[in-house]
Amino acid sequence: MKSFTHINATSVDEAVSILRRYGSKANLIAGGTDLLGKLKDEIMSSYPEAIVNLKTIPGLDFIRQEDAVLKIGALTRLADIASHPTIQDQYAALAEAARRTASTHLREMGTIGGNLCQDIRCWYYRSPNNRFPCLRKSGGRCYALDGDDRYHSIFGASVEDGCIAVHPSDTAPALIALDARIQTSKRIVSAQNFFRVDECRTTILDDDEIVTEIHVPQPLGKNAFAKFALRKAIDFPIVNCAVMLAVSDHVVSAVRVWLNAVYVIPYQAKLAEQALIGQPLDEASADAAADAAVSNARPRHRNKFMVEIAKTLVKKTVLACQ
């Protein structure tokens, strides 16, 4: 690793001030489970001059309920979210997503804010020593388009000229399905609108903006999360799925179905939602939703298997809301 200035911020305002001073030449660190690997492998074309430590800011690690809203501090560890009784009971999708993220050790380090803001997964993008200066690093091309696309997008490309890397967060689809809102040092934004595809960027956050809290309203109905990975621990998802579903008069009255690791940002399965509305919640409607969820998929040469996995997870997660 190259040398850099390490600064322990003591408040959100101080951290923001430091970010403004360094501009794009600074990075934030909390648990560090994503950033440290990127720094060690030197995957980016430029190296940060400063690392701003957020763990030294008091008051950003909490879980509490206020006026029927679950509030979670950005520095709250994934392990604490997974084991919290209220989250397990009422926000099952989030508890399971946190529990299935990475390994036990990493969940003891990783934070909810970091899990939301983590970078994309693509072996070309993350190749050591910036071997492939791709589109997402201001380069000229997406190497996966003509290369190994086994775990890349099945719903097309984004960014000008194409990027088929996928967003890897487990907690993101759960929070979006639960209609969460994310508070930053500047604003409050819907979790659904938090993610953005751009060069060297996966969220809408400005260079001087920090996630501080996540607000999750009381769920409208039952909710669930499912994940498929090559191993039960450590691995990033091949596909994951979160669903929130309400039933009224024996038919589905409201539903949110979100997939991740299948597109460059979390993916709303709108056609699956439409297939469920007004239908009884049973095996047949779950099958219809699963088929609809991938009806517009555009898998590539090596990742057609992801379509079947996505179908299976949608059905499984919908039925888990019975």
Protein backbone atom coordinates (compact mmCIF):
# COMPACT_ATOMS: atom_id res chain seq x y z
CA MET A 1 0.00 0.00 0.00
CA LYS A 2 1.11 3.55 -0.65
CA SER A 3 1.28 6.14 2.09
CA PHE A 4 -1.68 8.39 2.86
CA THR A 5 -2.84 10.77 5.57
CA HIS A 6 -5.14 9.09 8.11
CA ILE A 7 -7.53 11.44 9.90
CA ASN A 8 -9.78 10.50 12.82
CA ALA A 9 -12.90 12.64 12.45
CA THR A 10 -14.64 13.59 15.69
CA SER A 11 -17.92 14.78 14.17
CA VAL A 12 -19.88 14.58 10.95
CA ASP A 13 -19.22 18.28 10.34
CA GLU A 14 -15.48 17.75 10.71
CA ALA A 15 -15.53 14.78 8.35
CA VAL A 16 -17.45 16.80 5.76
CA SER A 17 -14.95 19.66 6.12
CA ILE A 18 -12.05 17.27 5.51
CA LEU A 19 -13.76 15.82 2.46
CA ARG A 20 -14.26 19.31 1.06
CA ARG A 21 -10.59 20.07 1.62
CA TYR A 22 -9.34 16.98 -0.23
CA GLY A 23 -12.17 16.66 -2.76
CA SER A 24 -12.05 13.44 -4.79
CA LYS A 25 -8.62 12.63 -3.31
CA ALA A 26 -10.13 11.43 -0.01
CA ASN A 27 -11.88 8.21 0.95
CA LEU A 28 -14.03 7.37 3.95
CA ILE A 29 -13.40 4.34 6.12
CA ALA A 30 -15.60 2.67 8.74
CA GLY A 31 -15.35 -1.12 8.90
CA GLY A 32 -12.92 -1.01 5.98
CA THR A 33 -13.94 -4.40 4.62
CA ASP A 34 -14.24 -3.07 1.05
CA LEU A 35 -11.82 -0.14 1.00
CA LEU A 36 -8.76 -1.88 2.43
CA GLY A 37 -8.84 -4.58 -0.22
CA LYS A 38 -9.11 -1.96 -2.94
CA LEU A 39 -6.14 -0.07 -1.52
CA LYS A 40 -3.96 -3.13 -1.08
CA ASP A 41 -4.61 -4.31 -4.61
CA GLU A 42 -4.30 -0.79 -6.03
CA ILE A 43 -7.21 -1.39 -8.36
CA MET A 44 -7.85 2.29 -9.09
CA SER A 45 -5.92 4.54 -11.45
CA SER A 46 -5.22 7.02 -8.64
CA TYR A 47 -4.54 6.55 -4.92
CA PRO A 48 -6.22 8.62 -2.17
CA GLU A 49 -4.21 11.26 -0.39
CA ALA A 50 -6.33 11.02 2.75
CA ILE A 51 -8.45 8.41 4.54
CA VAL A 52 -11.11 9.84 6.86
CA ASN A 53 -11.97 7.51 9.73
CA LEU A 54 -15.65 7.67 10.71
CA LYS A 55 -15.43 5.18 13.60
CA THR A 56 -14.19 7.96 15.86
CA ILE A 57 -17.44 9.92 15.44
CA PRO A 58 -19.72 9.27 18.43
CA GLY A 59 -23.44 8.67 18.07
CA LEU A 60 -23.57 6.91 14.68
CA ASP A 61 -23.90 3.37 16.04
CA PHE A 62 -27.47 2.74 17.23
CA ILE A 63 -30.72 0.87 16.64
CA ARG A 64 -33.90 2.43 18.01
CA GLN A 65 -37.58 2.89 17.25
CA GLU A 66 -39.06 6.36 17.08
CA ASP A 67 -42.71 6.96 16.16
CA ALA A 68 -43.03 3.55 14.47
CA VAL A 69 -39.86 4.16 12.45
CA LEU A 70 -36.80 1.97 12.88
CA LYS A 71 -33.69 4.14 12.90
CA ILE A 72 -30.25 2.66 12.37
CA GLY A 73 -26.99 4.58 12.61
CA ALA A 74 -24.69 4.28 9.63
CA LEU A 75 -21.89 2.83 11.78
CA THR A 76 -24.07 0.06 13.20
CA ARG A 77 -22.41 -3.27 12.60
CA LEU A 78 -24.12 -5.86 10.45
CA ALA A 79 -23.82 -8.43 13.24
CA ASP A 80 -25.83 -6.21 15.58
CA ILE A 81 -28.55 -5.71 12.96
CA ALA A 82 -28.79 -9.44 12.27
CA SER A 83 -29.21 -10.31 15.96
CA HIS A 84 -31.52 -7.48 17.04
CA PRO A 85 -34.86 -8.93 18.31
CA THR A 86 -37.07 -6.16 16.87
CA ILE A 87 -35.44 -6.39 13.45
CA GLN A 88 -35.71 -10.17 13.45
CA ASP A 89 -39.39 -9.97 14.40
CA GLN A 90 -40.66 -7.10 12.24
CA TYR A 91 -37.99 -6.52 9.59
CA ALA A 92 -37.10 -10.11 8.78
CA ALA A 93 -35.77 -9.26 5.30
CA LEU A 94 -33.19 -6.88 6.76
CA ALA A 95 -32.18 -9.23 9.58
CA GLU A 96 -31.65 -12.09 7.14
CA ALA A 97 -29.79 -9.90 4.65
CA ALA A 98 -27.40 -8.75 7.36
CA ARG A 99 -26.99 -12.31 8.63
CA ARG A 100 -26.13 -13.62 5.16
CA THR A 101 -23.57 -10.89 4.40
CA ALA A 102 -19.96 -12.12 4.25
CA SER A 103 -18.58 -14.08 7.22
CA THR A 104 -19.07 -13.85 10.99
CA HIS A 105 -15.82 -11.93 11.38
CA LEU A 106 -16.62 -9.47 8.60
CA ARG A 107 -20.11 -8.85 10.01
CA GLU A 108 -18.46 -7.89 13.28
CA MET A 109 -16.50 -5.23 11.39
CA GLY A 110 -18.70 -4.19 8.46
CA THR A 111 -21.28 -1.44 8.89
CA ILE A 112 -24.69 -0.90 7.34
CA GLY A 113 -23.50 2.35 5.76
CA GLY A 114 -20.50 0.66 4.22
CA ASN A 115 -22.58 -2.21 2.90
CA LEU A 116 -24.82 0.25 1.09
CA CYS A 117 -21.93 2.28 -0.31
CA GLN A 118 -19.65 -0.57 -1.36
CA ASP A 119 -18.21 -0.64 -4.84
CA ILE A 120 -19.30 -2.83 -7.75
CA ARG A 121 -18.09 -6.38 -8.26
CA CYS A 122 -16.32 -7.24 -11.49
CA TRP A 123 -13.04 -9.09 -11.77
CA TYR A 124 -11.86 -6.72 -14.50
CA TYR A 125 -12.70 -3.62 -12.45
CA ARG A 126 -11.07 -5.12 -9.35
CA SER A 127 -8.04 -6.63 -11.03
CA PRO A 128 -4.86 -5.70 -9.05
CA ASN A 129 -2.64 -2.87 -10.23
CA ASN A 130 -5.41 -1.42 -12.40
CA ARG A 131 -4.65 -4.00 -15.07
CA PHE A 132 -7.92 -3.22 -16.84
CA PRO A 133 -8.60 0.56 -16.91
CA CYS A 134 -12.27 0.05 -17.64
CA LEU A 135 -15.23 2.29 -18.32
CA ARG A 136 -16.02 2.74 -14.63
CA LYS A 137 -12.50 4.11 -14.10
CA SER A 138 -12.76 6.67 -16.90
CA GLY A 139 -11.29 4.15 -19.32
CA GLY A 140 -12.56 3.36 -22.77
CA ARG A 141 -14.36 0.03 -22.56
CA CYS A 142 -16.08 -2.66 -20.53
CA TYR A 143 -13.78 -5.68 -20.72
CA ALA A 144 -16.51 -8.05 -19.54
CA LEU A 145 -18.55 -7.41 -22.69
CA ASP A 146 -16.10 -9.52 -24.68
CA GLY A 147 -14.62 -11.41 -21.75
CA ASP A 148 -15.68 -13.59 -18.82
CA ASP A 149 -19.23 -12.52 -17.97
CA ARG A 150 -20.24 -15.41 -15.68
CA TYR A 151 -21.46 -13.25 -12.79
CA HIS A 152 -22.42 -10.07 -14.61
CA SER A 153 -25.71 -8.33 -15.38
CA ILE A 154 -28.60 -10.31 -16.83
CA PHE A 155 -30.64 -7.16 -17.45
CA GLY A 156 -28.39 -5.33 -19.86
CA ALA A 157 -25.70 -2.69 -19.52
CA SER A 158 -25.54 0.82 -18.16
CA VAL A 159 -23.19 3.79 -18.44
CA GLU A 160 -22.39 5.07 -21.92
CA ASP A 161 -21.01 2.28 -24.12
CA GLY A 162 -21.96 -0.36 -21.56
CA CYS A 163 -21.00 -1.64 -18.11
CA ILE A 164 -22.31 -5.01 -17.00
CA ALA A 165 -20.78 -5.16 -13.52
CA VAL A 166 -23.25 -5.89 -10.71
CA HIS A 167 -24.05 -4.23 -7.40
CA PRO A 168 -23.21 -6.71 -4.61
CA SER A 169 -24.98 -5.43 -1.49
CA ASP A 170 -27.20 -7.83 0.45
CA THR A 171 -28.81 -5.17 2.62
CA ALA A 172 -29.65 -2.83 -0.28
CA PRO A 173 -32.55 -4.83 -1.77
CA ALA A 174 -33.93 -5.52 1.71
CA LEU A 175 -33.94 -1.84 2.65
CA ILE A 176 -35.46 -0.82 -0.68
CA ALA A 177 -38.18 -3.48 -0.41
CA LEU A 178 -38.92 -2.14 3.09
CA ASP A 179 -39.24 1.38 1.63
CA ALA A 180 -36.38 2.75 3.73
CA ARG A 181 -35.01 6.27 3.55
CA ILE A 182 -31.36 7.22 3.89
CA GLN A 183 -30.29 10.32 5.75
CA THR A 184 -27.00 11.92 4.80
CA SER A 185 -25.12 14.98 5.94
CA LYS A 186 -27.05 16.92 3.27
CA ARG A 187 -30.47 15.34 2.69
CA ILE A 188 -32.88 12.45 3.10
CA VAL A 189 -33.42 10.25 0.06
CA SER A 190 -35.41 7.12 -0.66
CA ALA A 191 -33.24 4.00 -0.63
CA GLN A 192 -34.70 3.22 -4.04
CA ASN A 193 -33.14 6.41 -5.42
CA PHE A 194 -29.84 6.16 -3.54
CA PHE A 195 -27.92 4.16 -6.13
CA ARG A 196 -26.37 5.63 -9.23
CA VAL A 197 -24.20 4.38 -12.06
CA ASP A 198 -21.30 6.61 -13.02
CA GLU A 199 -17.55 6.56 -13.37
CA CYS A 200 -15.98 5.65 -10.02
CA ARG A 201 -19.37 6.03 -8.30
CA THR A 202 -22.18 3.70 -7.18
CA THR A 203 -24.38 6.10 -5.19
CA ILE A 204 -25.77 9.62 -5.47
CA LEU A 205 -23.44 10.82 -2.70
CA ASP A 206 -21.40 13.92 -3.47
CA ASP A 207 -17.69 13.93 -2.68
CA ASP A 208 -18.38 15.78 0.59
CA GLU A 209 -21.48 13.80 1.64
CA ILE A 210 -21.76 11.09 4.30
CA VAL A 211 -24.51 8.60 5.16
CA THR A 212 -25.55 9.13 8.79
CA GLU A 213 -28.78 7.17 9.39
CA ILE A 214 -31.22 4.75 7.78
CA HIS A 215 -34.96 5.11 8.51
CA VAL A 216 -37.23 2.12 7.96
CA PRO A 217 -41.01 2.56 8.35
CA GLN A 218 -43.27 -0.08 9.85
CA PRO A 219 -43.63 -2.75 7.13
CA LEU A 220 -46.95 -2.85 5.27
CA GLY A 221 -46.90 -6.64 5.41
CA LYS A 222 -44.65 -9.64 5.77
CA ASN A 223 -41.15 -9.45 4.33
CA ALA A 224 -38.40 -11.90 3.48
CA PHE A 225 -34.93 -12.18 1.94
CA ALA A 226 -33.16 -15.01 0.13
CA LYS A 227 -29.66 -15.31 -1.27
CA PHE A 228 -27.79 -17.72 -3.49
CA ALA A 229 -24.00 -17.84 -3.27
CA LEU A 230 -21.44 -20.52 -4.01
CA ARG A 231 -20.73 -20.80 -0.30
CA LYS A 232 -23.06 -19.99 2.59
CA ALA A 233 -20.44 -17.76 4.19
CA ILE A 234 -18.02 -15.14 2.87
CA ASP A 235 -19.22 -15.13 -0.75
CA PHE A 236 -20.93 -12.25 -2.46
CA PRO A 237 -24.34 -13.11 -3.92
CA ILE A 238 -24.78 -14.67 -7.31
CA VAL A 239 -28.36 -13.41 -6.92
CA ASN A 240 -30.34 -12.17 -3.94
CA CYS A 241 -33.96 -11.13 -3.53
CA ALA A 242 -36.06 -9.18 -1.03
CA VAL A 243 -39.85 -9.01 -0.93
CA MET A 244 -42.39 -7.09 1.14
CA LEU A 245 -45.95 -8.23 0.60
CA ALA A 246 -49.36 -7.39 2.06
CA VAL A 247 -52.54 -9.45 1.70
CA SER A 248 -56.05 -8.03 2.02
CA ASP A 249 -59.32 -9.94 1.48
CA HIS A 250 -57.26 -13.01 0.57
CA VAL A 251 -55.43 -11.35 -2.34
CA VAL A 252 -52.13 -9.48 -2.64
CA SER A 253 -52.83 -5.79 -2.12
CA ALA A 254 -49.29 -4.41 -2.06
CA VAL A 255 -45.91 -5.86 -2.99
CA ARG A 256 -42.31 -4.82 -3.59
CA VAL A 257 -39.89 -7.27 -5.24
CA TRP A 258 -36.22 -6.33 -5.55
CA LEU A 259 -33.26 -8.31 -6.83
CA ASN A 260 -29.58 -7.55 -6.55
CA ALA A 261 -26.32 -8.80 -8.08
CA VAL A 262 -28.21 -9.05 -11.39
CA TYR A 263 -27.71 -5.48 -12.62
CA VAL A 264 -25.45 -2.47 -12.05
CA ILE A 265 -27.81 -1.20 -9.31
CA PRO A 266 -30.53 -2.99 -7.32
CA TYR A 267 -33.23 -4.14 -9.74
CA GLN A 268 -36.97 -3.72 -9.24
CA ALA A 269 -38.88 -6.70 -10.63
CA LYS A 270 -41.88 -4.62 -11.68
CA LEU A 271 -43.40 -7.36 -13.81
CA ALA A 272 -43.31 -9.74 -10.85
CA GLU A 273 -45.10 -7.15 -8.73
CA GLN A 274 -47.76 -6.69 -11.41
CA ALA A 275 -48.25 -10.47 -11.63
CA LEU A 276 -48.96 -10.67 -7.90
CA ILE A 277 -51.30 -7.72 -7.35
CA GLY A 278 -54.90 -8.87 -6.98
CA GLN A 279 -53.95 -12.56 -6.89
CA PRO A 280 -54.18 -15.03 -4.01
CA LEU A 281 -50.81 -15.73 -2.45
CA ASP A 282 -50.19 -19.32 -3.43
CA GLU A 283 -47.89 -21.57 -5.45
CA ALA A 284 -49.46 -20.56 -8.76
CA SER A 285 -49.12 -16.81 -8.21
CA ALA A 286 -45.56 -17.26 -6.93
CA ASP A 287 -44.69 -19.21 -10.09
CA ALA A 288 -46.24 -16.47 -12.24
CA ALA A 289 -44.27 -13.81 -10.39
CA ALA A 290 -41.04 -15.76 -10.79
CA ASP A 291 -41.58 -16.13 -14.54
CA ALA A 292 -42.49 -12.45 -14.89
CA ALA A 293 -39.45 -11.31 -12.90
CA VAL A 294 -37.06 -12.62 -15.56
CA SER A 295 -39.25 -12.35 -18.63
CA ASN A 296 -37.24 -9.39 -19.89
CA ALA A 297 -33.83 -10.75 -18.86
CA ARG A 298 -31.01 -10.52 -21.37
CA PRO A 299 -28.41 -12.98 -20.11
CA ARG A 300 -25.03 -13.21 -21.76
CA HIS A 301 -23.12 -16.22 -23.04
CA ARG A 302 -21.86 -17.51 -19.68
CA ASN A 303 -24.46 -16.33 -17.17
CA LYS A 304 -27.75 -17.83 -18.36
CA PHE A 305 -27.81 -19.90 -15.16
CA MET A 306 -28.45 -16.70 -13.19
CA VAL A 307 -31.90 -16.40 -14.76
CA GLU A 308 -33.02 -19.69 -13.24
CA ILE A 309 -31.53 -18.74 -9.89
CA ALA A 310 -33.39 -15.43 -9.93
CA LYS A 311 -36.67 -17.22 -10.75
CA THR A 312 -36.17 -19.65 -7.90
CA LEU A 313 -35.36 -16.93 -5.39
CA VAL A 314 -38.35 -14.79 -6.36
CA LYS A 315 -40.71 -17.74 -5.86
CA LYS A 316 -39.04 -18.74 -2.59
CA THR A 317 -39.11 -15.24 -1.17
CA VAL A 318 -42.71 -14.55 -2.21
CA LEU A 319 -43.90 -17.77 -0.58
CA ALA A 320 -41.94 -16.93 2.56
CA CYS A 321 -44.34 -13.99 3.00
CA GLN A 322 -47.36 -16.28 3.42
